[in-house]
Amino acid sequence: KELIVLDTGGDASPFFTGRAGGGELNPVGDSRVLYVHVRQYPLTLGHKRNQLLQLASGEGVAHFDDDNLYAPEYLSTMVESLRASRAQLVELVGTFAWEP
C-alpha cells in the first residue's frame, strides 16, 4: 500500500513537507507516502494521472480527485467489483447532493 500525491499548486504543501506542525497524522518520514510537488504549468489531468501511474508500484491503482468525497467502503467496493468481473478496469459512479 502506498499513497502518491502529485501537487501542482503554487507552493509545496506544509502538511506533506513537515511544516504543518506534525500531530498524529504526519506523512513525513512514512515510506508509504510519496509527495511530488511540480511547478510545471499547465498540466492536463491526463498528464498528471500518467505521471502518477509511472510512479506507482502497486498491483492496483485508485485515483482520488481533491474536490470529491468518497465513502469509507469506496476502495473495498471497487476491488470486489474488479475481482468479481475479472475486468482490468472498474468505475463506480454515483452522485449525491447535499445542501445544508
PDB file of N, CA and C in Angstrom:
ATOM      1  N   LYS A   1       0.850  -1.177   0.000  1.00  0.00           N
ATOM      2  CA  LYS A   1       0.000   0.000   0.000  1.00  0.00           C
ATOM      3  C   LYS A   1       0.887   1.228   0.000  1.00  0.00           C
ATOM      4  N   GLU A   2       0.475   2.196  -0.802  1.00  0.00           N
ATOM      5  CA  GLU A   2       1.233   3.435  -0.866  1.00  0.00           C
ATOM      6  C   GLU A   2       0.287   4.581  -1.205  1.00  0.00           C
ATOM      7  N   LEU A   3       0.698   5.763  -0.865  1.00  0.00           N
ATOM      8  CA  LEU A   3      -0.030   6.972  -1.222  1.00  0.00           C
ATOM      9  C   LEU A   3       0.931   7.853  -1.999  1.00  0.00           C
ATOM     10  N   ILE A   4       0.533   8.199  -3.224  1.00  0.00           N
ATOM     11  CA  ILE A   4       1.345   9.090  -4.042  1.00  0.00           C
ATOM     12  C   ILE A   4       0.531  10.355  -4.285  1.00  0.00           C
ATOM     13  N   VAL A   5       1.096  11.486  -3.924  1.00  0.00           N
ATOM     14  CA  VAL A   5       0.422  12.772  -4.086  1.00  0.00           C
ATOM     15  C   VAL A   5       1.212  13.602  -5.083  1.00  0.00           C
ATOM     16  N   LEU A   6       0.536  14.013  -6.147  1.00  0.00           N
ATOM     17  CA  LEU A   6       1.138  14.927  -7.121  1.00  0.00           C
ATOM     18  C   LEU A   6       0.495  16.289  -6.908  1.00  0.00           C
ATOM     19  N   ASP A   7       1.262  17.216  -6.381  1.00  0.00           N
ATOM     20  CA  ASP A   7       0.781  18.549  -6.038  1.00  0.00           C
ATOM     21  C   ASP A   7       1.234  19.524  -7.116  1.00  0.00           C
ATOM     22  N   THR A   8       0.274  20.142  -7.804  1.00  0.00           N
ATOM     23  CA  THR A   8       0.615  21.117  -8.839  1.00  0.00           C
ATOM     24  C   THR A   8       0.215  22.526  -8.421  1.00  0.00           C
ATOM     25  N   GLY A   9       0.048  22.730  -7.124  1.00  0.00           N
ATOM     26  CA  GLY A   9      -0.275  24.051  -6.607  1.00  0.00           C
ATOM     27  C   GLY A   9       0.958  24.939  -6.586  1.00  0.00           C
ATOM     28  N   GLY A  10       0.757  26.208  -6.300  1.00  0.00           N
ATOM     29  CA  GLY A  10       1.853  27.164  -6.305  1.00  0.00           C
ATOM     30  C   GLY A  10       2.953  26.853  -5.316  1.00  0.00           C
ATOM     31  N   ASP A  11       2.595  26.622  -4.069  1.00  0.00           N
ATOM     32  CA  ASP A  11       3.578  26.326  -3.028  1.00  0.00           C
ATOM     33  C   ASP A  11       3.434  24.880  -2.585  1.00  0.00           C
ATOM     34  N   ALA A  12       4.534  24.292  -2.152  1.00  0.00           N
ATOM     35  CA  ALA A  12       4.500  22.923  -1.642  1.00  0.00           C
ATOM     36  C   ALA A  12       3.628  22.859  -0.391  1.00  0.00           C
ATOM     37  N   SER A  13       2.968  21.745  -0.197  1.00  0.00           N
ATOM     38  CA  SER A  13       2.057  21.558   0.928  1.00  0.00           C
ATOM     39  C   SER A  13       2.803  21.510   2.260  1.00  0.00           C
ATOM     40  N   PRO A  14       2.424  22.353   3.225  1.00  0.00           N
ATOM     41  CA  PRO A  14       3.036  22.283   4.548  1.00  0.00           C
ATOM     42  C   PRO A  14       2.795  20.926   5.216  1.00  0.00           C
ATOM     43  N   PHE A  15       1.648  20.321   4.953  1.00  0.00           N
ATOM     44  CA  PHE A  15       1.322  19.022   5.550  1.00  0.00           C
ATOM     45  C   PHE A  15       2.301  17.946   5.093  1.00  0.00           C
ATOM     46  N   PHE A  16       2.603  17.915   3.812  1.00  0.00           N
ATOM     47  CA  PHE A  16       3.459  16.861   3.270  1.00  0.00           C
ATOM     48  C   PHE A  16       4.946  17.182   3.350  1.00  0.00           C
ATOM     49  N   THR A  17       5.297  18.400   3.687  1.00  0.00           N
ATOM     50  CA  THR A  17       6.711  18.763   3.798  1.00  0.00           C
ATOM     51  C   THR A  17       7.160  18.940   5.243  1.00  0.00           C
ATOM     52  N   GLY A  18       6.253  18.730   6.193  1.00  0.00           N
ATOM     53  CA  GLY A  18       6.624  18.793   7.601  1.00  0.00           C
ATOM     54  C   GLY A  18       6.551  20.160   8.225  1.00  0.00           C
ATOM     55  N   ARG A  19       6.016  21.143   7.513  1.00  0.00           N
ATOM     56  CA  ARG A  19       5.925  22.495   8.068  1.00  0.00           C
ATOM     57  C   ARG A  19       4.585  22.764   8.726  1.00  0.00           C
ATOM     58  N   ALA A  20       3.741  21.728   8.851  1.00  0.00           N
ATOM     59  CA  ALA A  20       2.400  21.927   9.402  1.00  0.00           C
ATOM     60  C   ALA A  20       2.333  21.644  10.893  1.00  0.00           C
ATOM     61  N   GLY A  21       3.422  21.263  11.502  1.00  0.00           N
ATOM     62  CA  GLY A  21       3.412  21.047  12.936  1.00  0.00           C
ATOM     63  C   GLY A  21       3.231  19.604  13.367  1.00  0.00           C
ATOM     64  N   GLY A  22       3.181  18.666  12.444  1.00  0.00           N
ATOM     65  CA  GLY A  22       3.104  17.251  12.810  1.00  0.00           C
ATOM     66  C   GLY A  22       1.751  16.844  13.329  1.00  0.00           C
ATOM     67  N   GLY A  23       1.719  16.306  14.530  1.00  0.00           N
ATOM     68  CA  GLY A  23       0.481  15.784  15.082  1.00  0.00           C
ATOM     69  C   GLY A  23       0.407  14.283  14.869  1.00  0.00           C
ATOM     70  N   GLU A  24      -0.766  13.720  15.128  1.00  0.00           N
ATOM     71  CA  GLU A  24      -0.934  12.269  14.997  1.00  0.00           C
ATOM     72  C   GLU A  24      -0.762  11.799  13.563  1.00  0.00           C
ATOM     73  N   LEU A  25      -1.314  12.548  12.628  1.00  0.00           N
ATOM     74  CA  LEU A  25      -1.236  12.172  11.219  1.00  0.00           C
ATOM     75  C   LEU A  25      -0.104  12.959  10.584  1.00  0.00           C
ATOM     76  N   ASN A  26       1.050  12.327  10.459  1.00  0.00           N
ATOM     77  CA  ASN A  26       2.219  13.006   9.924  1.00  0.00           C
ATOM     78  C   ASN A  26       2.857  12.138   8.847  1.00  0.00           C
ATOM     79  N   PRO A  27       2.695  12.506   7.565  1.00  0.00           N
ATOM     80  CA  PRO A  27       3.221  11.673   6.488  1.00  0.00           C
ATOM     81  C   PRO A  27       4.729  11.784   6.277  1.00  0.00           C
ATOM     82  N   VAL A  28       5.367  12.772   6.876  1.00  0.00           N
ATOM     83  CA  VAL A  28       6.798  12.971   6.673  1.00  0.00           C
ATOM     84  C   VAL A  28       7.560  11.801   7.299  1.00  0.00           C
ATOM     85  N   GLY A  29       8.411  11.182   6.515  1.00  0.00           N
ATOM     86  CA  GLY A  29       9.187  10.050   7.005  1.00  0.00           C
ATOM     87  C   GLY A  29       8.490   8.707   6.857  1.00  0.00           C
ATOM     88  N   ASP A  30       7.243   8.702   6.403  1.00  0.00           N
ATOM     89  CA  ASP A  30       6.498   7.459   6.185  1.00  0.00           C
ATOM     90  C   ASP A  30       6.862   6.933   4.797  1.00  0.00           C
ATOM     91  N   SER A  31       7.477   5.776   4.733  1.00  0.00           N
ATOM     92  CA  SER A  31       7.949   5.234   3.453  1.00  0.00           C
ATOM     93  C   SER A  31       6.815   4.877   2.500  1.00  0.00           C
ATOM     94  N   ARG A  32       5.588   4.824   3.004  1.00  0.00           N
ATOM     95  CA  ARG A  32       4.435   4.515   2.145  1.00  0.00           C
ATOM     96  C   ARG A  32       3.903   5.751   1.436  1.00  0.00           C
ATOM     97  N   VAL A  33       4.401   6.923   1.781  1.00  0.00           N
ATOM     98  CA  VAL A  33       3.906   8.179   1.217  1.00  0.00           C
ATOM     99  C   VAL A  33       4.978   8.807   0.325  1.00  0.00           C
ATOM    100  N   LEU A  34       4.581   9.086  -0.915  1.00  0.00           N
ATOM    101  CA  LEU A  34       5.460   9.793  -1.845  1.00  0.00           C
ATOM    102  C   LEU A  34       4.765  11.092  -2.231  1.00  0.00           C
ATOM    103  N   TYR A  35       5.401  12.193  -1.919  1.00  0.00           N
ATOM    104  CA  TYR A  35       4.860  13.516  -2.236  1.00  0.00           C
ATOM    105  C   TYR A  35       5.727  14.154  -3.310  1.00  0.00           C
ATOM    106  N   VAL A  36       5.090  14.565  -4.412  1.00  0.00           N
ATOM    107  CA  VAL A  36       5.804  15.199  -5.520  1.00  0.00           C
ATOM    108  C   VAL A  36       5.151  16.551  -5.787  1.00  0.00           C
ATOM    109  N   HIS A  37       5.941  17.612  -5.687  1.00  0.00           N
ATOM    110  CA  HIS A  37       5.447  18.952  -5.981  1.00  0.00           C
ATOM    111  C   HIS A  37       6.035  19.398  -7.313  1.00  0.00           C
ATOM    112  N   VAL A  38       5.166  19.774  -8.242  1.00  0.00           N
ATOM    113  CA  VAL A  38       5.584  20.147  -9.594  1.00  0.00           C
ATOM    114  C   VAL A  38       5.095  21.555  -9.888  1.00  0.00           C
ATOM    115  N   ARG A  39       5.976  22.386 -10.381  1.00  0.00           N
ATOM    116  CA  ARG A  39       5.593  23.757 -10.762  1.00  0.00           C
ATOM    117  C   ARG A  39       5.595  23.912 -12.275  1.00  0.00           C
ATOM    118  N   GLN A  40       5.130  22.914 -12.955  1.00  0.00           N
ATOM    119  CA  GLN A  40       5.073  22.944 -14.419  1.00  0.00           C
ATOM    120  C   GLN A  40       3.627  23.183 -14.827  1.00  0.00           C
ATOM    121  N   TYR A  41       3.382  24.265 -15.532  1.00  0.00           N
ATOM    122  CA  TYR A  41       2.012  24.598 -15.919  1.00  0.00           C
ATOM    123  C   TYR A  41       1.915  24.692 -17.426  1.00  0.00           C
ATOM    124  N   PRO A  42       0.796  24.475 -18.033  1.00  0.00           N
ATOM    125  CA  PRO A  42      -0.314  23.745 -17.427  1.00  0.00           C
ATOM    126  C   PRO A  42      -0.127  22.243 -17.637  1.00  0.00           C
ATOM    127  N   LEU A  43      -0.576  21.459 -16.707  1.00  0.00           N
ATOM    128  CA  LEU A  43      -0.582  20.005 -16.839  1.00  0.00           C
ATOM    129  C   LEU A  43      -2.028  19.553 -16.954  1.00  0.00           C
ATOM    130  N   THR A  44      -2.330  18.771 -17.958  1.00  0.00           N
ATOM    131  CA  THR A  44      -3.690  18.253 -18.089  1.00  0.00           C
ATOM    132  C   THR A  44      -3.912  17.160 -17.053  1.00  0.00           C
ATOM    133  N   LEU A  45      -5.165  16.876 -16.773  1.00  0.00           N
ATOM    134  CA  LEU A  45      -5.499  15.809 -15.831  1.00  0.00           C
ATOM    135  C   LEU A  45      -4.925  14.479 -16.316  1.00  0.00           C
ATOM    136  N   GLY A  46      -5.003  14.233 -17.617  1.00  0.00           N
ATOM    137  CA  GLY A  46      -4.452  13.001 -18.172  1.00  0.00           C
ATOM    138  C   GLY A  46      -2.951  12.895 -17.967  1.00  0.00           C
ATOM    139  N   HIS A  47      -2.235  14.008 -18.154  1.00  0.00           N
ATOM    140  CA  HIS A  47      -0.788  14.016 -17.948  1.00  0.00           C
ATOM    141  C   HIS A  47      -0.459  13.737 -16.481  1.00  0.00           C
ATOM    142  N   LYS A  48      -1.213  14.341 -15.578  1.00  0.00           N
ATOM    143  CA  LYS A  48      -0.984  14.121 -14.146  1.00  0.00           C
ATOM    144  C   LYS A  48      -1.194  12.655 -13.789  1.00  0.00           C
ATOM    145  N   ARG A  49      -2.271  12.073 -14.288  1.00  0.00           N
ATOM    146  CA  ARG A  49      -2.554  10.663 -13.974  1.00  0.00           C
ATOM    147  C   ARG A  49      -1.501   9.746 -14.576  1.00  0.00           C
ATOM    148  N   ASN A  50      -1.042  10.028 -15.784  1.00  0.00           N
ATOM    149  CA  ASN A  50       0.016   9.217 -16.386  1.00  0.00           C
ATOM    150  C   ASN A  50       1.308   9.310 -15.583  1.00  0.00           C
ATOM    151  N   GLN A  51       1.615  10.500 -15.090  1.00  0.00           N
ATOM    152  CA  GLN A  51       2.807  10.681 -14.265  1.00  0.00           C
ATOM    153  C   GLN A  51       2.692   9.859 -12.983  1.00  0.00           C
ATOM    154  N   LEU A  52       1.522   9.874 -12.363  1.00  0.00           N
ATOM    155  CA  LEU A  52       1.302   9.107 -11.141  1.00  0.00           C
ATOM    156  C   LEU A  52       1.388   7.608 -11.402  1.00  0.00           C
ATOM    157  N   LEU A  53       0.854   7.152 -12.524  1.00  0.00           N
ATOM    158  CA  LEU A  53       0.933   5.725 -12.866  1.00  0.00           C
ATOM    159  C   LEU A  53       2.379   5.271 -13.022  1.00  0.00           C
ATOM    160  N   GLN A  54       3.230   6.128 -13.562  1.00  0.00           N
ATOM    161  CA  GLN A  54       4.645   5.777 -13.701  1.00  0.00           C
ATOM    162  C   GLN A  54       5.326   5.641 -12.342  1.00  0.00           C
ATOM    163  N   LEU A  55       4.856   6.379 -11.350  1.00  0.00           N
ATOM    164  CA  LEU A  55       5.447   6.335 -10.014  1.00  0.00           C
ATOM    165  C   LEU A  55       4.906   5.192  -9.164  1.00  0.00           C
ATOM    166  N   ALA A  56       3.737   4.684  -9.509  1.00  0.00           N
ATOM    167  CA  ALA A  56       3.068   3.667  -8.689  1.00  0.00           C
ATOM    168  C   ALA A  56       3.766   2.318  -8.788  1.00  0.00           C
ATOM    169  N   SER A  57       3.760   1.585  -7.675  1.00  0.00           N
ATOM    170  CA  SER A  57       4.380   0.262  -7.660  1.00  0.00           C
ATOM    171  C   SER A  57       3.385  -0.836  -7.301  1.00  0.00           C
ATOM    172  N   GLY A  58       2.150  -0.481  -7.028  1.00  0.00           N
ATOM    173  CA  GLY A  58       1.168  -1.465  -6.588  1.00  0.00           C
ATOM    174  C   GLY A  58       0.559  -2.270  -7.717  1.00  0.00           C
ATOM    175  N   GLU A  59      -0.141  -3.321  -7.333  1.00  0.00           N
ATOM    176  CA  GLU A  59      -0.838  -4.172  -8.298  1.00  0.00           C
ATOM    177  C   GLU A  59      -2.066  -3.466  -8.851  1.00  0.00           C
ATOM    178  N   GLY A  60      -2.705  -2.672  -8.021  1.00  0.00           N
ATOM    179  CA  GLY A  60      -3.888  -1.918  -8.425  1.00  0.00           C
ATOM    180  C   GLY A  60      -3.684  -0.448  -8.135  1.00  0.00           C
ATOM    181  N   VAL A  61      -4.383   0.379  -8.880  1.00  0.00           N
ATOM    182  CA  VAL A  61      -4.253   1.826  -8.714  1.00  0.00           C
ATOM    183  C   VAL A  61      -5.640   2.433  -8.596  1.00  0.00           C
ATOM    184  N   ALA A  62      -5.820   3.298  -7.621  1.00  0.00           N
ATOM    185  CA  ALA A  62      -7.064   4.059  -7.469  1.00  0.00           C
ATOM    186  C   ALA A  62      -6.690   5.530  -7.448  1.00  0.00           C
ATOM    187  N   HIS A  63      -7.478   6.339  -8.113  1.00  0.00           N
ATOM    188  CA  HIS A  63      -7.186   7.772  -8.082  1.00  0.00           C
ATOM    189  C   HIS A  63      -8.342   8.495  -7.403  1.00  0.00           C
ATOM    190  N   PHE A  64      -7.988   9.558  -6.714  1.00  0.00           N
ATOM    191  CA  PHE A  64      -8.962  10.360  -5.989  1.00  0.00           C
ATOM    192  C   PHE A  64      -8.793  11.810  -6.410  1.00  0.00           C
ATOM    193  N   ASP A  65      -9.892  12.455  -6.696  1.00  0.00           N
ATOM    194  CA  ASP A  65      -9.859  13.875  -7.016  1.00  0.00           C
ATOM    195  C   ASP A  65     -10.053  14.669  -5.731  1.00  0.00           C
ATOM    196  N   ASP A  66      -9.349  15.774  -5.608  1.00  0.00           N
ATOM    197  CA  ASP A  66      -9.382  16.545  -4.365  1.00  0.00           C
ATOM    198  C   ASP A  66     -10.693  17.275  -4.128  1.00  0.00           C
ATOM    199  N   ASP A  67     -11.553  17.345  -5.118  1.00  0.00           N
ATOM    200  CA  ASP A  67     -12.827  18.038  -4.925  1.00  0.00           C
ATOM    201  C   ASP A  67     -14.009  17.070  -4.814  1.00  0.00           C
ATOM    202  N   ASN A  68     -13.739  15.801  -4.569  1.00  0.00           N
ATOM    203  CA  ASN A  68     -14.796  14.799  -4.399  1.00  0.00           C
ATOM    204  C   ASN A  68     -14.749  14.210  -2.999  1.00  0.00           C
ATOM    205  N   LEU A  69     -15.881  13.685  -2.561  1.00  0.00           N
ATOM    206  CA  LEU A  69     -15.967  12.961  -1.296  1.00  0.00           C
ATOM    207  C   LEU A  69     -16.152  11.485  -1.607  1.00  0.00           C
ATOM    208  N   TYR A  70     -15.526  10.613  -0.823  1.00  0.00           N
ATOM    209  CA  TYR A  70     -15.594   9.175  -1.044  1.00  0.00           C
ATOM    210  C   TYR A  70     -16.082   8.486   0.219  1.00  0.00           C
ATOM    211  N   ALA A  71     -16.967   7.506   0.050  1.00  0.00           N
ATOM    212  CA  ALA A  71     -17.469   6.723   1.175  1.00  0.00           C
ATOM    213  C   ALA A  71     -16.338   5.850   1.723  1.00  0.00           C
ATOM    214  N   PRO A  72     -16.386   5.509   3.016  1.00  0.00           N
ATOM    215  CA  PRO A  72     -15.327   4.684   3.610  1.00  0.00           C
ATOM    216  C   PRO A  72     -15.124   3.343   2.893  1.00  0.00           C
ATOM    217  N   GLU A  73     -16.185   2.798   2.323  1.00  0.00           N
ATOM    218  CA  GLU A  73     -16.081   1.488   1.666  1.00  0.00           C
ATOM    219  C   GLU A  73     -15.804   1.601   0.164  1.00  0.00           C
ATOM    220  N   TYR A  74     -15.463   2.777  -0.308  1.00  0.00           N
ATOM    221  CA  TYR A  74     -15.241   3.001  -1.741  1.00  0.00           C
ATOM    222  C   TYR A  74     -14.219   2.022  -2.330  1.00  0.00           C
ATOM    223  N   LEU A  75     -13.038   1.956  -1.741  1.00  0.00           N
ATOM    224  CA  LEU A  75     -11.990   1.097  -2.300  1.00  0.00           C
ATOM    225  C   LEU A  75     -12.342  -0.378  -2.219  1.00  0.00           C
ATOM    226  N   SER A  76     -12.887  -0.824  -1.096  1.00  0.00           N
ATOM    227  CA  SER A  76     -13.232  -2.246  -0.980  1.00  0.00           C
ATOM    228  C   SER A  76     -14.310  -2.625  -1.986  1.00  0.00           C
ATOM    229  N   THR A  77     -15.259  -1.735  -2.237  1.00  0.00           N
ATOM    230  CA  THR A  77     -16.295  -1.992  -3.244  1.00  0.00           C
ATOM    231  C   THR A  77     -15.678  -2.082  -4.636  1.00  0.00           C
ATOM    232  N   MET A  78     -14.743  -1.208  -4.933  1.00  0.00           N
ATOM    233  CA  MET A  78     -14.075  -1.224  -6.237  1.00  0.00           C
ATOM    234  C   MET A  78     -13.286  -2.520  -6.438  1.00  0.00           C
ATOM    235  N   VAL A  79     -12.547  -2.926  -5.415  1.00  0.00           N
ATOM    236  CA  VAL A  79     -11.729  -4.143  -5.521  1.00  0.00           C
ATOM    237  C   VAL A  79     -12.618  -5.372  -5.668  1.00  0.00           C
ATOM    238  N   GLU A  80     -13.705  -5.439  -4.906  1.00  0.00           N
ATOM    239  CA  GLU A  80     -14.645  -6.562  -5.026  1.00  0.00           C
ATOM    240  C   GLU A  80     -15.217  -6.634  -6.437  1.00  0.00           C
ATOM    241  N   SER A  81     -15.607  -5.501  -6.992  1.00  0.00           N
ATOM    242  CA  SER A  81     -16.150  -5.465  -8.354  1.00  0.00           C
ATOM    243  C   SER A  81     -15.105  -5.887  -9.378  1.00  0.00           C
ATOM    244  N   LEU A  82     -13.895  -5.452  -9.178  1.00  0.00           N
ATOM    245  CA  LEU A  82     -12.806  -5.799 -10.087  1.00  0.00           C
ATOM    246  C   LEU A  82     -12.552  -7.304 -10.082  1.00  0.00           C
ATOM    247  N   ARG A  83     -12.486  -7.877  -8.896  1.00  0.00           N
ATOM    248  CA  ARG A  83     -12.225  -9.320  -8.781  1.00  0.00           C
ATOM    249  C   ARG A  83     -13.389 -10.155  -9.298  1.00  0.00           C
ATOM    250  N   ALA A  84     -14.607  -9.736  -9.023  1.00  0.00           N
ATOM    251  CA  ALA A  84     -15.787 -10.499  -9.436  1.00  0.00           C
ATOM    252  C   ALA A  84     -15.970 -10.500 -10.949  1.00  0.00           C
ATOM    253  N   SER A  85     -15.570  -9.422 -11.601  1.00  0.00           N
ATOM    254  CA  SER A  85     -15.799  -9.297 -13.039  1.00  0.00           C
ATOM    255  C   SER A  85     -14.611  -9.742 -13.881  1.00  0.00           C
ATOM    256  N   ARG A  86     -13.449  -9.867 -13.266  1.00  0.00           N
ATOM    257  CA  ARG A  86     -12.207 -10.168 -13.983  1.00  0.00           C
ATOM    258  C   ARG A  86     -11.868  -9.095 -15.024  1.00  0.00           C
ATOM    259  N   ALA A  87     -12.414  -7.930 -14.841  1.00  0.00           N
ATOM    260  CA  ALA A  87     -12.121  -6.805 -15.735  1.00  0.00           C
ATOM    261  C   ALA A  87     -10.753  -6.222 -15.381  1.00  0.00           C
ATOM    262  N   GLN A  88     -10.229  -5.402 -16.247  1.00  0.00           N
ATOM    263  CA  GLN A  88      -8.971  -4.719 -15.970  1.00  0.00           C
ATOM    264  C   GLN A  88      -9.203  -3.320 -15.410  1.00  0.00           C
ATOM    265  N   LEU A  89     -10.447  -2.867 -15.482  1.00  0.00           N
ATOM    266  CA  LEU A  89     -10.783  -1.519 -15.042  1.00  0.00           C
ATOM    267  C   LEU A  89     -12.223  -1.501 -14.566  1.00  0.00           C
ATOM    268  N   VAL A  90     -12.478  -0.853 -13.458  1.00  0.00           N
ATOM    269  CA  VAL A  90     -13.850  -0.636 -12.994  1.00  0.00           C
ATOM    270  C   VAL A  90     -14.012   0.823 -12.622  1.00  0.00           C
ATOM    271  N   GLU A  91     -15.245   1.287 -12.715  1.00  0.00           N
ATOM    272  CA  GLU A  91     -15.562   2.658 -12.333  1.00  0.00           C
ATOM    273  C   GLU A  91     -16.847   2.623 -11.529  1.00  0.00           C
ATOM    274  N   LEU A  92     -16.824   3.239 -10.387  1.00  0.00           N
ATOM    275  CA  LEU A  92     -18.001   3.329  -9.538  1.00  0.00           C
ATOM    276  C   LEU A  92     -18.544   4.737  -9.678  1.00  0.00           C
ATOM    277  N   VAL A  93     -19.743   4.840 -10.188  1.00  0.00           N
ATOM    278  CA  VAL A  93     -20.313   6.153 -10.461  1.00  0.00           C
ATOM    279  C   VAL A  93     -21.551   6.344  -9.608  1.00  0.00           C
ATOM    280  N   GLY A  94     -21.606   7.455  -8.942  1.00  0.00           N
ATOM    281  CA  GLY A  94     -22.778   7.813  -8.161  1.00  0.00           C
ATOM    282  C   GLY A  94     -22.718   9.287  -7.829  1.00  0.00           C
ATOM    283  N   THR A  95     -23.848   9.903  -7.805  1.00  0.00           N
ATOM    284  CA  THR A  95     -23.902  11.320  -7.491  1.00  0.00           C
ATOM    285  C   THR A  95     -24.849  11.535  -6.329  1.00  0.00           C
ATOM    286  N   PHE A  96     -24.372  12.245  -5.348  1.00  0.00           N
ATOM    287  CA  PHE A  96     -25.185  12.581  -4.197  1.00  0.00           C
ATOM    288  C   PHE A  96     -25.095  14.085  -3.986  1.00  0.00           C
ATOM    289  N   ALA A  97     -26.214  14.690  -3.710  1.00  0.00           N
ATOM    290  CA  ALA A  97     -26.235  16.131  -3.476  1.00  0.00           C
ATOM    291  C   ALA A  97     -26.616  16.390  -2.027  1.00  0.00           C
ATOM    292  N   TRP A  98     -25.919  17.295  -1.398  1.00  0.00           N
ATOM    293  CA  TRP A  98     -26.225  17.682  -0.028  1.00  0.00           C
ATOM    294  C   TRP A  98     -26.192  19.193   0.032  1.00  0.00           C
ATOM    295  N   GLU A  99     -27.254  19.753   0.536  1.00  0.00           N
ATOM    296  CA  GLU A  99     -27.321  21.199   0.660  1.00  0.00           C
ATOM    297  C   GLU A  99     -27.795  21.530   2.067  1.00  0.00           C
ATOM    298  N   PRO A 100     -26.938  22.147   2.860  1.00  0.00           N
ATOM    299  CA  PRO A 100     -27.323  22.460   4.252  1.00  0.00           C
ATOM    300  C   PRO A 100     -28.408  23.516   4.334  1.00  0.00           C
TER     301      PRO A 100
END
